[in-house]
Protein backbone atom coordinates (compact mmCIF):
# COMPACT_ATOMS: atom_id res chain seq x y z
CA UNK A 1 0.07 -0.01 0.05
CA UNK A 2 1.47 3.46 -1.06
CA UNK A 3 1.48 6.40 1.37
CA UNK A 4 -0.18 9.40 0.46
CA UNK A 5 1.68 11.53 2.85
CA UNK A 6 5.34 11.85 2.48
CA UNK A 7 7.41 11.67 5.58
CA UNK A 8 10.06 14.41 5.95
CA UNK A 9 13.21 14.03 7.61
CA UNK A 10 13.38 16.31 10.80
CA UNK A 11 16.33 18.76 10.65
CA UNK A 12 18.37 19.03 13.71
CA UNK A 13 19.66 22.57 13.90
CA UNK A 14 21.10 24.83 11.19
CA UNK A 15 24.62 25.41 11.25
CA UNK A 16 26.42 28.60 11.33
CA UNK A 17 23.23 30.79 11.73
CA UNK A 18 22.03 30.05 15.26
CA UNK A 19 23.07 33.44 16.84
CA UNK A 20 22.95 35.97 13.81
CA UNK A 21 20.26 37.92 12.28
CA UNK A 22 19.92 40.88 9.94
CA UNK A 23 18.32 44.32 10.58
CA UNK A 24 15.36 44.66 8.04
CA UNK A 25 14.43 47.89 5.94
CA UNK A 26 12.03 48.63 8.70
CA UNK A 27 14.56 48.39 11.36
CA UNK A 28 13.30 44.87 12.73
CA UNK A 29 15.34 42.15 13.95
CA UNK A 30 14.37 38.34 14.30
CA UNK A 31 15.78 36.74 17.33
CA UNK A 32 16.97 33.35 16.65
CA UNK A 33 14.72 30.65 18.11
CA UNK A 34 17.77 28.93 19.99
CA UNK A 35 18.34 32.03 21.67
CA UNK A 36 14.66 32.70 22.55
CA UNK A 37 14.44 28.99 24.04
CA UNK A 38 17.73 29.49 25.99
CA UNK A 39 16.36 32.49 27.95
CA UNK A 40 12.81 31.26 28.01
CA UNK A 41 11.05 33.99 25.80
CA UNK A 42 7.91 33.33 24.03
CA UNK A 43 5.85 35.26 21.35
CA UNK A 44 4.21 38.21 22.93
CA UNK A 45 6.85 38.92 25.68
CA UNK A 46 8.32 42.19 26.24
CA UNK A 47 11.91 42.80 26.09
CA UNK A 48 14.11 45.65 27.34
CA UNK A 49 17.15 46.65 25.40
CA UNK A 50 20.26 48.41 27.20
CA UNK A 51 23.74 49.59 26.01
CA UNK A 52 26.42 48.12 28.23
CA UNK A 53 29.89 48.40 27.54
CA UNK A 54 29.47 49.37 24.02
CA UNK A 55 27.22 46.25 23.31
CA UNK A 56 23.36 45.70 23.07
CA UNK A 57 21.86 43.77 25.93
CA UNK A 58 18.32 42.19 25.70
CA UNK A 59 16.51 41.12 28.75
CA UNK A 60 12.83 39.99 29.60
CA UNK A 61 10.94 42.73 31.11
CA UNK A 62 8.32 42.02 33.64
CA UNK A 63 4.94 43.60 32.88
CA UNK A 64 4.59 46.60 35.22
CA UNK A 65 1.00 47.36 33.88
CA UNK A 66 -0.37 44.12 35.29
CA UNK A 67 -2.69 44.79 38.40
CA UNK A 68 -1.10 42.11 40.34
CA UNK A 69 2.62 43.16 39.44
CA UNK A 70 2.68 45.31 42.35
CA UNK A 71 1.91 42.58 44.83
CA UNK A 72 4.81 40.40 43.84
CA UNK A 73 7.05 40.13 46.93
CA UNK A 74 4.76 42.29 49.22
CA UNK A 75 4.53 39.37 51.90
CA UNK A 76 8.10 38.57 51.86
CA UNK A 77 9.11 37.79 55.56
CA UNK A 78 5.74 38.07 56.95
CA UNK A 79 5.36 34.43 57.80
CA UNK A 80 8.84 33.81 58.83
CA UNK A 81 7.97 33.04 62.43
CA UNK A 82 4.50 31.55 61.77
CA UNK A 83 3.91 28.16 63.55
CA UNK A 84 1.05 26.37 61.95
CA UNK A 85 0.93 23.62 64.60
CA UNK A 86 0.44 26.33 67.33
CA UNK A 87 -2.17 28.04 65.28
CA UNK A 88 -4.16 24.79 64.63
CA UNK A 89 -3.91 24.08 68.48
CA UNK A 90 -5.31 27.36 69.54
CA UNK A 91 -8.18 27.24 67.09
CA UNK A 92 -9.29 23.72 67.73
CA UNK A 93 -8.06 22.26 71.14
CA UNK A 94 -8.24 18.64 71.68
């Protein structure tokens, strides 16, 4: 029986072009997928560009506009001396 769907060989990774890209006429740059995967970026993420020692540095930017963004880390250290067993005993004595 003949197959109607041709099976293609899966390419591993392209050699020689994993970390380079060209600037388009509209000043756009495509970030290679290997680099995106290495730093955990996905489509729609916001990135921040900085100049450090004459080089361009790109980093993932946290979304400051998100309403819960201001609460991240707000409760740090609040429950350091919290004793759950003591709280349970005071609420439901035996």
